[in-house]
Amino acid sequence: MAAFAEDAEWHPYLGQVGGGVRRGAREIEEMLREIDVDLDLTLEPEEFVDLDDCVLVPLRAGGTGKESGLSVDARWCQLWSLRDAQVIKVTAYPDQASALGAAQGDAG
């Protein structure tokens, strides 16, 4: 969590995983702990794409709901925005094209 700025934001995939947008390093850490309680989840980054002030990370998630036993197999992309070597925002997108479009929009 040391990599996160105190005012960081996390915009989860589908906006609902982990209870919606989390603001601040403490809320982000709380969300990640809650997800760990509910899911036996493995996240695998497929690559890291350097886009200057942000990093694009396509992810694959696999696992099982701890109570439901339902399996998870999903892919999405995250855009990690950085400032002064700290994470200031993580935003999820359904695919790489959407994430790249958002990154280009932020740059312009």
PDB file of N, CA and C in Angstrom:
ATOM      1  N   MET A   1       0.810  -1.201   0.000  1.00  0.00           N
ATOM      2  CA  MET A   1       0.000   0.000   0.000  1.00  0.00           C
ATOM      3  C   MET A   1       0.855   1.268   0.000  1.00  0.00           C
ATOM      4  N   ALA A   2       2.138   1.115   0.259  1.00  0.00           N
ATOM      5  CA  ALA A   2       3.023   2.273   0.272  1.00  0.00           C
ATOM      6  C   ALA A   2       3.113   2.948  -1.092  1.00  0.00           C
ATOM      7  N   ALA A   3       2.778   2.223  -2.152  1.00  0.00           N
ATOM      8  CA  ALA A   3       2.848   2.779  -3.500  1.00  0.00           C
ATOM      9  C   ALA A   3       1.675   3.707  -3.819  1.00  0.00           C
ATOM     10  N   PHE A   4       0.645   3.710  -2.970  1.00  0.00           N
ATOM     11  CA  PHE A   4      -0.551   4.511  -3.229  1.00  0.00           C
ATOM     12  C   PHE A   4      -0.467   5.874  -2.545  1.00  0.00           C
ATOM     13  N   ALA A   5      -0.828   6.917  -3.298  1.00  0.00           N
ATOM     14  CA  ALA A   5      -0.938   8.256  -2.720  1.00  0.00           C
ATOM     15  C   ALA A   5      -2.121   8.260  -1.747  1.00  0.00           C
ATOM     16  N   GLU A   6      -2.063   9.116  -0.761  1.00  0.00           N
ATOM     17  CA  GLU A   6      -3.154   9.192   0.216  1.00  0.00           C
ATOM     18  C   GLU A   6      -4.495   9.534  -0.438  1.00  0.00           C
ATOM     19  N   ASP A   7      -4.466  10.279  -1.548  1.00  0.00           N
ATOM     20  CA  ASP A   7      -5.708  10.671  -2.218  1.00  0.00           C
ATOM     21  C   ASP A   7      -6.015   9.787  -3.435  1.00  0.00           C
ATOM     22  N   ALA A   8      -5.434   8.607  -3.489  1.00  0.00           N
ATOM     23  CA  ALA A   8      -5.633   7.703  -4.630  1.00  0.00           C
ATOM     24  C   ALA A   8      -7.100   7.286  -4.756  1.00  0.00           C
ATOM     25  N   GLU A   9      -7.478   6.922  -5.983  1.00  0.00           N
ATOM     26  CA  GLU A   9      -8.822   6.409  -6.261  1.00  0.00           C
ATOM     27  C   GLU A   9      -8.705   5.069  -6.952  1.00  0.00           C
ATOM     28  N   TRP A  10      -9.645   4.173  -6.660  1.00  0.00           N
ATOM     29  CA  TRP A  10      -9.724   2.868  -7.322  1.00  0.00           C
ATOM     30  C   TRP A  10     -11.135   2.721  -7.871  1.00  0.00           C
ATOM     31  N   HIS A  11     -11.219   2.591  -9.189  1.00  0.00           N
ATOM     32  CA  HIS A  11     -12.495   2.413  -9.883  1.00  0.00           C
ATOM     33  C   HIS A  11     -12.551   0.957 -10.343  1.00  0.00           C
ATOM     34  N   PRO A  12     -13.228   0.082  -9.587  1.00  0.00           N
ATOM     35  CA  PRO A  12     -13.186  -1.352  -9.880  1.00  0.00           C
ATOM     36  C   PRO A  12     -13.932  -1.737 -11.149  1.00  0.00           C
ATOM     37  N   TYR A  13     -13.619  -2.940 -11.604  1.00  0.00           N
ATOM     38  CA  TYR A  13     -14.272  -3.510 -12.778  1.00  0.00           C
ATOM     39  C   TYR A  13     -15.772  -3.575 -12.540  1.00  0.00           C
ATOM     40  N   LEU A  14     -16.542  -3.127 -13.501  1.00  0.00           N
ATOM     41  CA  LEU A  14     -18.001  -3.062 -13.456  1.00  0.00           C
ATOM     42  C   LEU A  14     -18.525  -2.102 -12.393  1.00  0.00           C
ATOM     43  N   GLY A  15     -17.648  -1.384 -11.722  1.00  0.00           N
ATOM     44  CA  GLY A  15     -18.069  -0.378 -10.764  1.00  0.00           C
ATOM     45  C   GLY A  15     -18.695  -0.910  -9.496  1.00  0.00           C
ATOM     46  N   GLN A  16     -18.862  -2.235  -9.410  1.00  0.00           N
ATOM     47  CA  GLN A  16     -19.541  -2.792  -8.245  1.00  0.00           C
ATOM     48  C   GLN A  16     -18.656  -3.721  -7.440  1.00  0.00           C
ATOM     49  N   VAL A  17     -17.663  -4.313  -8.066  1.00  0.00           N
ATOM     50  CA  VAL A  17     -16.785  -5.212  -7.341  1.00  0.00           C
ATOM     51  C   VAL A  17     -16.105  -4.420  -6.232  1.00  0.00           C
ATOM     52  N   GLY A  18     -16.208  -4.894  -5.033  1.00  0.00           N
ATOM     53  CA  GLY A  18     -15.577  -4.211  -3.920  1.00  0.00           C
ATOM     54  C   GLY A  18     -16.351  -3.007  -3.431  1.00  0.00           C
ATOM     55  N   GLY A  19     -17.614  -2.851  -3.842  1.00  0.00           N
ATOM     56  CA  GLY A  19     -18.459  -1.785  -3.312  1.00  0.00           C
ATOM     57  C   GLY A  19     -18.351  -0.447  -4.011  1.00  0.00           C
ATOM     58  N   GLY A  20     -17.897  -0.405  -5.241  1.00  0.00           N
ATOM     59  CA  GLY A  20     -17.823   0.845  -5.982  1.00  0.00           C
ATOM     60  C   GLY A  20     -16.490   1.552  -5.813  1.00  0.00           C
ATOM     61  N   VAL A  21     -16.441   2.810  -6.234  1.00  0.00           N
ATOM     62  CA  VAL A  21     -15.204   3.590  -6.209  1.00  0.00           C
ATOM     63  C   VAL A  21     -14.735   3.758  -4.767  1.00  0.00           C
ATOM     64  N   ARG A  22     -13.447   3.532  -4.580  1.00  0.00           N
ATOM     65  CA  ARG A  22     -12.833   3.726  -3.266  1.00  0.00           C
ATOM     66  C   ARG A  22     -11.858   4.880  -3.363  1.00  0.00           C
ATOM     67  N   ARG A  23     -11.873   5.718  -2.347  1.00  0.00           N
ATOM     68  CA  ARG A  23     -11.002   6.889  -2.329  1.00  0.00           C
ATOM     69  C   ARG A  23     -10.118   6.856  -1.091  1.00  0.00           C
ATOM     70  N   GLY A  24      -8.835   7.050  -1.317  1.00  0.00           N
ATOM     71  CA  GLY A  24      -7.866   7.041  -0.234  1.00  0.00           C
ATOM     72  C   GLY A  24      -7.254   5.668  -0.046  1.00  0.00           C
ATOM     73  N   ALA A  25      -5.999   5.664   0.357  1.00  0.00           N
ATOM     74  CA  ALA A  25      -5.259   4.411   0.509  1.00  0.00           C
ATOM     75  C   ALA A  25      -5.928   3.462   1.500  1.00  0.00           C
ATOM     76  N   ARG A  26      -6.507   3.988   2.548  1.00  0.00           N
ATOM     77  CA  ARG A  26      -7.172   3.126   3.545  1.00  0.00           C
ATOM     78  C   ARG A  26      -8.387   2.422   2.963  1.00  0.00           C
ATOM     79  N   GLU A  27      -9.226   3.149   2.225  1.00  0.00           N
ATOM     80  CA  GLU A  27     -10.403   2.525   1.604  1.00  0.00           C
ATOM     81  C   GLU A  27      -9.991   1.488   0.567  1.00  0.00           C
ATOM     82  N   ILE A  28      -8.932   1.764  -0.178  1.00  0.00           N
ATOM     83  CA  ILE A  28      -8.459   0.815  -1.186  1.00  0.00           C
ATOM     84  C   ILE A  28      -7.975  -0.459  -0.511  1.00  0.00           C
ATOM     85  N   GLU A  29      -7.204  -0.321   0.542  1.00  0.00           N
ATOM     86  CA  GLU A  29      -6.728  -1.496   1.264  1.00  0.00           C
ATOM     87  C   GLU A  29      -7.892  -2.298   1.839  1.00  0.00           C
ATOM     88  N   GLU A  30      -8.882  -1.618   2.378  1.00  0.00           N
ATOM     89  CA  GLU A  30     -10.072  -2.284   2.919  1.00  0.00           C
ATOM     90  C   GLU A  30     -10.789  -3.080   1.822  1.00  0.00           C
ATOM     91  N   MET A  31     -10.952  -2.482   0.636  1.00  0.00           N
ATOM     92  CA  MET A  31     -11.609  -3.161  -0.478  1.00  0.00           C
ATOM     93  C   MET A  31     -10.851  -4.430  -0.861  1.00  0.00           C
ATOM     94  N   LEU A  32      -9.527  -4.325  -0.965  1.00  0.00           N
ATOM     95  CA  LEU A  32      -8.730  -5.487  -1.358  1.00  0.00           C
ATOM     96  C   LEU A  32      -8.838  -6.601  -0.316  1.00  0.00           C
ATOM     97  N   ARG A  33      -8.880  -6.250   0.941  1.00  0.00           N
ATOM     98  CA  ARG A  33      -9.050  -7.256   1.998  1.00  0.00           C
ATOM     99  C   ARG A  33     -10.426  -7.913   1.916  1.00  0.00           C
ATOM    100  N   GLU A  34     -11.480  -7.129   1.621  1.00  0.00           N
ATOM    101  CA  GLU A  34     -12.837  -7.670   1.504  1.00  0.00           C
ATOM    102  C   GLU A  34     -12.932  -8.653   0.344  1.00  0.00           C
ATOM    103  N   ILE A  35     -12.313  -8.318  -0.771  1.00  0.00           N
ATOM    104  CA  ILE A  35     -12.333  -9.219  -1.923  1.00  0.00           C
ATOM    105  C   ILE A  35     -11.645 -10.528  -1.561  1.00  0.00           C
ATOM    106  N   ASP A  36     -10.545 -10.442  -0.828  1.00  0.00           N
ATOM    107  CA  ASP A  36      -9.810 -11.634  -0.422  1.00  0.00           C
ATOM    108  C   ASP A  36     -10.644 -12.528   0.493  1.00  0.00           C
ATOM    109  N   VAL A  37     -11.506 -11.931   1.300  1.00  0.00           N
ATOM    110  CA  VAL A  37     -12.371 -12.708   2.199  1.00  0.00           C
ATOM    111  C   VAL A  37     -13.423 -13.475   1.398  1.00  0.00           C
ATOM    112  N   ASP A  38     -13.983 -12.855   0.356  1.00  0.00           N
ATOM    113  CA  ASP A  38     -15.080 -13.437  -0.411  1.00  0.00           C
ATOM    114  C   ASP A  38     -14.642 -14.402  -1.507  1.00  0.00           C
ATOM    115  N   LEU A  39     -13.473 -14.187  -2.066  1.00  0.00           N
ATOM    116  CA  LEU A  39     -13.052 -14.954  -3.240  1.00  0.00           C
ATOM    117  C   LEU A  39     -11.678 -15.574  -3.048  1.00  0.00           C
ATOM    118  N   ASP A  40     -11.565 -16.802  -3.526  1.00  0.00           N
ATOM    119  CA  ASP A  40     -10.244 -17.412  -3.668  1.00  0.00           C
ATOM    120  C   ASP A  40      -9.825 -17.068  -5.094  1.00  0.00           C
ATOM    121  N   LEU A  41      -9.180 -15.933  -5.250  1.00  0.00           N
ATOM    122  CA  LEU A  41      -8.968 -15.328  -6.562  1.00  0.00           C
ATOM    123  C   LEU A  41      -7.490 -15.214  -6.889  1.00  0.00           C
ATOM    124  N   THR A  42      -7.168 -15.527  -8.140  1.00  0.00           N
ATOM    125  CA  THR A  42      -5.818 -15.327  -8.653  1.00  0.00           C
ATOM    126  C   THR A  42      -5.904 -14.340  -9.808  1.00  0.00           C
ATOM    127  N   LEU A  43      -5.145 -13.250  -9.711  1.00  0.00           N
ATOM    128  CA  LEU A  43      -5.065 -12.268 -10.789  1.00  0.00           C
ATOM    129  C   LEU A  43      -3.729 -12.424 -11.483  1.00  0.00           C
ATOM    130  N   GLU A  44      -3.779 -12.553 -12.801  1.00  0.00           N
ATOM    131  CA  GLU A  44      -2.563 -12.705 -13.580  1.00  0.00           C
ATOM    132  C   GLU A  44      -2.454 -11.568 -14.585  1.00  0.00           C
ATOM    133  N   PRO A  45      -1.500 -10.667 -14.382  1.00  0.00           N
ATOM    134  CA  PRO A  45      -1.272  -9.640 -15.402  1.00  0.00           C
ATOM    135  C   PRO A  45      -0.695 -10.297 -16.651  1.00  0.00           C
ATOM    136  N   GLU A  46      -1.252  -9.936 -17.807  1.00  0.00           N
ATOM    137  CA  GLU A  46      -0.776 -10.518 -19.059  1.00  0.00           C
ATOM    138  C   GLU A  46       0.397  -9.741 -19.638  1.00  0.00           C
ATOM    139  N   GLU A  47       0.456  -8.450 -19.334  1.00  0.00           N
ATOM    140  CA  GLU A  47       1.583  -7.620 -19.748  1.00  0.00           C
ATOM    141  C   GLU A  47       1.477  -6.277 -19.033  1.00  0.00           C
ATOM    142  N   PHE A  48       2.537  -5.496 -19.120  1.00  0.00           N
ATOM    143  CA  PHE A  48       2.570  -4.144 -18.572  1.00  0.00           C
ATOM    144  C   PHE A  48       2.967  -3.216 -19.709  1.00  0.00           C
ATOM    145  N   VAL A  49       2.080  -2.285 -20.063  1.00  0.00           N
ATOM    146  CA  VAL A  49       2.323  -1.375 -21.178  1.00  0.00           C
ATOM    147  C   VAL A  49       2.589   0.019 -20.620  1.00  0.00           C
ATOM    148  N   ASP A  50       3.806   0.513 -20.796  1.00  0.00           N
ATOM    149  CA  ASP A  50       4.208   1.823 -20.303  1.00  0.00           C
ATOM    150  C   ASP A  50       3.627   2.902 -21.206  1.00  0.00           C
ATOM    151  N   LEU A  51       2.805   3.766 -20.630  1.00  0.00           N
ATOM    152  CA  LEU A  51       2.206   4.870 -21.372  1.00  0.00           C
ATOM    153  C   LEU A  51       2.599   6.212 -20.735  1.00  0.00           C
ATOM    154  N   ASP A  52       3.834   6.348 -20.365  1.00  0.00           N
ATOM    155  CA  ASP A  52       4.406   7.536 -19.718  1.00  0.00           C
ATOM    156  C   ASP A  52       3.890   7.707 -18.289  1.00  0.00           C
ATOM    157  N   ASP A  53       2.794   8.449 -18.094  1.00  0.00           N
ATOM    158  CA  ASP A  53       2.324   8.698 -16.731  1.00  0.00           C
ATOM    159  C   ASP A  53       1.288   7.672 -16.257  1.00  0.00           C
ATOM    160  N   CYS A  54       1.128   6.609 -17.023  1.00  0.00           N
ATOM    161  CA  CYS A  54       0.256   5.523 -16.601  1.00  0.00           C
ATOM    162  C   CYS A  54       0.745   4.197 -17.182  1.00  0.00           C
ATOM    163  N   VAL A  55       0.218   3.122 -16.626  1.00  0.00           N
ATOM    164  CA  VAL A  55       0.583   1.775 -17.059  1.00  0.00           C
ATOM    165  C   VAL A  55      -0.704   1.013 -17.329  1.00  0.00           C
ATOM    166  N   LEU A  56      -0.781   0.414 -18.513  1.00  0.00           N
ATOM    167  CA  LEU A  56      -1.927  -0.406 -18.901  1.00  0.00           C
ATOM    168  C   LEU A  56      -1.618  -1.859 -18.557  1.00  0.00           C
ATOM    169  N   VAL A  57      -2.547  -2.505 -17.846  1.00  0.00           N
ATOM    170  CA  VAL A  57      -2.322  -3.878 -17.410  1.00  0.00           C
ATOM    171  C   VAL A  57      -3.541  -4.734 -17.766  1.00  0.00           C
ATOM    172  N   PRO A  58      -3.468  -5.524 -18.850  1.00  0.00           N
ATOM    173  CA  PRO A  58      -4.519  -6.501 -19.116  1.00  0.00           C
ATOM    174  C   PRO A  58      -4.407  -7.625 -18.074  1.00  0.00           C
ATOM    175  N   LEU A  59      -5.552  -7.996 -17.493  1.00  0.00           N
ATOM    176  CA  LEU A  59      -5.592  -8.997 -16.422  1.00  0.00           C
ATOM    177  C   LEU A  59      -6.480 -10.166 -16.764  1.00  0.00           C
ATOM    178  N   ARG A  60      -6.134 -11.297 -16.202  1.00  0.00           N
ATOM    179  CA  ARG A  60      -7.022 -12.459 -16.232  1.00  0.00           C
ATOM    180  C   ARG A  60      -7.237 -12.865 -14.780  1.00  0.00           C
ATOM    181  N   ALA A  61      -8.493 -13.036 -14.412  1.00  0.00           N
ATOM    182  CA  ALA A  61      -8.840 -13.437 -13.049  1.00  0.00           C
ATOM    183  C   ALA A  61      -9.462 -14.818 -13.085  1.00  0.00           C
ATOM    184  N   GLY A  62      -9.032 -15.647 -12.164  1.00  0.00           N
ATOM    185  CA  GLY A  62      -9.600 -16.978 -12.032  1.00  0.00           C
ATOM    186  C   GLY A  62      -9.715 -17.329 -10.569  1.00  0.00           C
ATOM    187  N   GLY A  63     -10.740 -18.085 -10.246  1.00  0.00           N
ATOM    188  CA  GLY A  63     -10.889 -18.488  -8.853  1.00  0.00           C
ATOM    189  C   GLY A  63     -12.277 -18.990  -8.567  1.00  0.00           C
ATOM    190  N   THR A  64     -12.586 -19.058  -7.271  1.00  0.00           N
ATOM    191  CA  THR A  64     -13.852 -19.608  -6.806  1.00  0.00           C
ATOM    192  C   THR A  64     -14.382 -18.770  -5.660  1.00  0.00           C
ATOM    193  N   GLY A  65     -15.705 -18.538  -5.674  1.00  0.00           N
ATOM    194  CA  GLY A  65     -16.340 -17.869  -4.544  1.00  0.00           C
ATOM    195  C   GLY A  65     -16.248 -18.766  -3.325  1.00  0.00           C
ATOM    196  N   LYS A  66     -15.810 -18.220  -2.208  1.00  0.00           N
ATOM    197  CA  LYS A  66     -15.581 -19.042  -1.020  1.00  0.00           C
ATOM    198  C   LYS A  66     -16.872 -19.620  -0.450  1.00  0.00           C
ATOM    199  N   GLU A  67     -17.969 -18.880  -0.508  1.00  0.00           N
ATOM    200  CA  GLU A  67     -19.238 -19.392  -0.008  1.00  0.00           C
ATOM    201  C   GLU A  67     -20.060 -20.061  -1.097  1.00  0.00           C
ATOM    202  N   SER A  68     -20.109 -19.457  -2.266  1.00  0.00           N
ATOM    203  CA  SER A  68     -20.975 -19.954  -3.337  1.00  0.00           C
ATOM    204  C   SER A  68     -20.382 -21.140  -4.083  1.00  0.00           C
ATOM    205  N   GLY A  69     -19.061 -21.203  -4.142  1.00  0.00           N
ATOM    206  CA  GLY A  69     -18.414 -22.243  -4.919  1.00  0.00           C
ATOM    207  C   GLY A  69     -18.430 -21.969  -6.415  1.00  0.00           C
ATOM    208  N   LEU A  70     -18.981 -20.825  -6.832  1.00  0.00           N
ATOM    209  CA  LEU A  70     -19.035 -20.469  -8.254  1.00  0.00           C
ATOM    210  C   LEU A  70     -17.648 -20.091  -8.751  1.00  0.00           C
ATOM    211  N   SER A  71     -17.359 -20.501  -9.969  1.00  0.00           N
ATOM    212  CA  SER A  71     -16.043 -20.202 -10.517  1.00  0.00           C
ATOM    213  C   SER A  71     -16.041 -18.850 -11.221  1.00  0.00           C
ATOM    214  N   VAL A  72     -14.865 -18.237 -11.221  1.00  0.00           N
ATOM    215  CA  VAL A  72     -14.638 -16.949 -11.860  1.00  0.00           C
ATOM    216  C   VAL A  72     -13.580 -17.152 -12.931  1.00  0.00           C
ATOM    217  N   ASP A  73     -13.867 -16.678 -14.138  1.00  0.00           N
ATOM    218  CA  ASP A  73     -12.883 -16.657 -15.212  1.00  0.00           C
ATOM    219  C   ASP A  73     -13.190 -15.411 -16.034  1.00  0.00           C
ATOM    220  N   ALA A  74     -12.421 -14.369 -15.829  1.00  0.00           N
ATOM    221  CA  ALA A  74     -12.728 -13.092 -16.468  1.00  0.00           C
ATOM    222  C   ALA A  74     -11.449 -12.407 -16.908  1.00  0.00           C
ATOM    223  N   ARG A  75     -11.609 -11.534 -17.897  1.00  0.00           N
ATOM    224  CA  ARG A  75     -10.505 -10.695 -18.369  1.00  0.00           C
ATOM    225  C   ARG A  75     -10.992  -9.260 -18.422  1.00  0.00           C
ATOM    226  N   TRP A  76     -10.091  -8.333 -18.083  1.00  0.00           N
ATOM    227  CA  TRP A  76     -10.339  -6.917 -18.223  1.00  0.00           C
ATOM    228  C   TRP A  76      -8.996  -6.213 -18.188  1.00  0.00           C
ATOM    229  N   CYS A  77      -9.011  -4.908 -18.301  1.00  0.00           N
ATOM    230  CA  CYS A  77      -7.774  -4.127 -18.262  1.00  0.00           C
ATOM    231  C   CYS A  77      -7.860  -3.091 -17.160  1.00  0.00           C
ATOM    232  N   GLN A  78      -6.726  -2.795 -16.580  1.00  0.00           N
ATOM    233  CA  GLN A  78      -6.632  -1.712 -15.618  1.00  0.00           C
ATOM    234  C   GLN A  78      -5.656  -0.678 -16.143  1.00  0.00           C
ATOM    235  N   LEU A  79      -5.974   0.560 -15.874  1.00  0.00           N
ATOM    236  CA  LEU A  79      -5.091   1.667 -16.191  1.00  0.00           C
ATOM    237  C   LEU A  79      -4.643   2.268 -14.862  1.00  0.00           C
ATOM    238  N   TRP A  80      -3.354   2.154 -14.574  1.00  0.00           N
ATOM    239  CA  TRP A  80      -2.770   2.650 -13.329  1.00  0.00           C
ATOM    240  C   TRP A  80      -2.138   4.005 -13.624  1.00  0.00           C
ATOM    241  N   SER A  81      -2.674   5.075 -13.062  1.00  0.00           N
ATOM    242  CA  SER A  81      -2.148   6.426 -13.256  1.00  0.00           C
ATOM    243  C   SER A  81      -1.185   6.756 -12.124  1.00  0.00           C
ATOM    244  N   LEU A  82      -0.065   7.381 -12.496  1.00  0.00           N
ATOM    245  CA  LEU A  82       1.008   7.654 -11.544  1.00  0.00           C
ATOM    246  C   LEU A  82       1.330   9.141 -11.464  1.00  0.00           C
ATOM    247  N   ARG A  83       1.762   9.547 -10.269  1.00  0.00           N
ATOM    248  CA  ARG A  83       2.255  10.908 -10.052  1.00  0.00           C
ATOM    249  C   ARG A  83       3.350  10.821  -9.001  1.00  0.00           C
ATOM    250  N   ASP A  84       4.499  11.364  -9.296  1.00  0.00           N
ATOM    251  CA  ASP A  84       5.619  11.351  -8.346  1.00  0.00           C
ATOM    252  C   ASP A  84       5.886   9.945  -7.812  1.00  0.00           C
ATOM    253  N   ALA A  85       5.892   8.968  -8.711  1.00  0.00           N
ATOM    254  CA  ALA A  85       6.186   7.565  -8.396  1.00  0.00           C
ATOM    255  C   ALA A  85       5.172   6.929  -7.451  1.00  0.00           C
ATOM    256  N   GLN A  86       3.966   7.515  -7.362  1.00  0.00           N
ATOM    257  CA  GLN A  86       2.907   6.911  -6.562  1.00  0.00           C
ATOM    258  C   GLN A  86       1.669   6.700  -7.419  1.00  0.00           C
ATOM    259  N   VAL A  87       0.906   5.675  -7.073  1.00  0.00           N
ATOM    260  CA  VAL A  87      -0.351   5.392  -7.760  1.00  0.00           C
ATOM    261  C   VAL A  87      -1.386   6.403  -7.285  1.00  0.00           C
ATOM    262  N   ILE A  88      -2.007   7.102  -8.249  1.00  0.00           N
ATOM    263  CA  ILE A  88      -3.048   8.060  -7.888  1.00  0.00           C
ATOM    264  C   ILE A  88      -4.435   7.602  -8.327  1.00  0.00           C
ATOM    265  N   LYS A  89      -4.473   6.651  -9.293  1.00  0.00           N
ATOM    266  CA  LYS A  89      -5.774   6.190  -9.763  1.00  0.00           C
ATOM    267  C   LYS A  89      -5.616   4.857 -10.476  1.00  0.00           C
ATOM    268  N   VAL A  90      -6.523   3.937 -10.175  1.00  0.00           N
ATOM    269  CA  VAL A  90      -6.619   2.671 -10.894  1.00  0.00           C
ATOM    270  C   VAL A  90      -8.045   2.601 -11.428  1.00  0.00           C
ATOM    271  N   THR A  91      -8.159   2.451 -12.741  1.00  0.00           N
ATOM    272  CA  THR A  91      -9.476   2.389 -13.376  1.00  0.00           C
ATOM    273  C   THR A  91      -9.545   1.141 -14.238  1.00  0.00           C
ATOM    274  N   ALA A  92     -10.662   0.429 -14.143  1.00  0.00           N
ATOM    275  CA  ALA A  92     -10.848  -0.802 -14.908  1.00  0.00           C
ATOM    276  C   ALA A  92     -11.660  -0.528 -16.173  1.00  0.00           C
ATOM    277  N   TYR A  93     -11.319  -1.263 -17.227  1.00  0.00           N
ATOM    278  CA  TYR A  93     -11.991  -1.164 -18.520  1.00  0.00           C
ATOM    279  C   TYR A  93     -12.259  -2.571 -19.037  1.00  0.00           C
ATOM    280  N   PRO A  94     -13.298  -2.747 -19.843  1.00  0.00           N
ATOM    281  CA  PRO A  94     -13.629  -4.092 -20.313  1.00  0.00           C
ATOM    282  C   PRO A  94     -12.597  -4.704 -21.253  1.00  0.00           C
ATOM    283  N   ASP A  95     -11.817  -3.844 -21.934  1.00  0.00           N
ATOM    284  CA  ASP A  95     -10.840  -4.365 -22.887  1.00  0.00           C
ATOM    285  C   ASP A  95      -9.714  -3.356 -23.085  1.00  0.00           C
ATOM    286  N   GLN A  96      -8.680  -3.801 -23.782  1.00  0.00           N
ATOM    287  CA  GLN A  96      -7.491  -2.980 -23.983  1.00  0.00           C
ATOM    288  C   GLN A  96      -7.785  -1.746 -24.827  1.00  0.00           C
ATOM    289  N   ALA A  97      -8.626  -1.877 -25.831  1.00  0.00           N
ATOM    290  CA  ALA A  97      -8.936  -0.732 -26.690  1.00  0.00           C
ATOM    291  C   ALA A  97      -9.590   0.395 -25.879  1.00  0.00           C
ATOM    292  N   SER A  98     -10.502   0.047 -24.992  1.00  0.00           N
ATOM    293  CA  SER A  98     -11.158   1.063 -24.151  1.00  0.00           C
ATOM    294  C   SER A  98     -10.159   1.731 -23.223  1.00  0.00           C
ATOM    295  N   ALA A  99      -9.274   0.952 -22.642  1.00  0.00           N
ATOM    296  CA  ALA A  99      -8.268   1.503 -21.732  1.00  0.00           C
ATOM    297  C   ALA A  99      -7.302   2.422 -22.482  1.00  0.00           C
ATOM    298  N   LEU A 100      -6.866   2.002 -23.671  1.00  0.00           N
ATOM    299  CA  LEU A 100      -5.975   2.844 -24.474  1.00  0.00           C
ATOM    300  C   LEU A 100      -6.658   4.153 -24.875  1.00  0.00           C
ATOM    301  N   GLY A 101      -7.918   4.058 -25.254  1.00  0.00           N
ATOM    302  CA  GLY A 101      -8.680   5.265 -25.612  1.00  0.00           C
ATOM    303  C   GLY A 101      -8.766   6.233 -24.444  1.00  0.00           C
ATOM    304  N   ALA A 102      -9.008   5.701 -23.246  1.00  0.00           N
ATOM    305  CA  ALA A 102      -9.076   6.555 -22.053  1.00  0.00           C
ATOM    306  C   ALA A 102      -7.721   7.175 -21.765  1.00  0.00           C
ATOM    307  N   ALA A 103      -6.652   6.399 -21.910  1.00  0.00           N
ATOM    308  CA  ALA A 103      -5.307   6.924 -21.649  1.00  0.00           C
ATOM    309  C   ALA A 103      -4.964   8.023 -22.641  1.00  0.00           C
ATOM    310  N   GLN A 104      -5.331   7.857 -23.891  1.00  0.00           N
ATOM    311  CA  GLN A 104      -5.052   8.875 -24.900  1.00  0.00           C
ATOM    312  C   GLN A 104      -5.889  10.121 -24.646  1.00  0.00           C
ATOM    313  N   GLY A 105      -7.094   9.927 -24.153  1.00  0.00           N
ATOM    314  CA  GLY A 105      -7.963  11.071 -23.805  1.00  0.00           C
ATOM    315  C   GLY A 105      -7.387  11.853 -22.645  1.00  0.00           C
ATOM    316  N   ASP A 106      -6.807  11.141 -21.657  1.00  0.00           N
ATOM    317  CA  ASP A 106      -6.193  11.795 -20.495  1.00  0.00           C
ATOM    318  C   ASP A 106      -4.968  12.590 -20.911  1.00  0.00           C
ATOM    319  N   ALA A 107      -4.241  12.067 -21.905  1.00  0.00           N
ATOM    320  CA  ALA A 107      -3.008  12.724 -22.347  1.00  0.00           C
ATOM    321  C   ALA A 107      -3.297  13.984 -23.154  1.00  0.00           C
ATOM    322  N   GLY A 108      -4.453  14.014 -23.805  1.00  0.00           N
ATOM    323  CA  GLY A 108      -4.735  15.131 -24.684  1.00  0.00           C
ATOM    324  C   GLY A 108      -5.513  16.162 -24.023  1.00  0.00           C
TER     325      GLY A 108
END
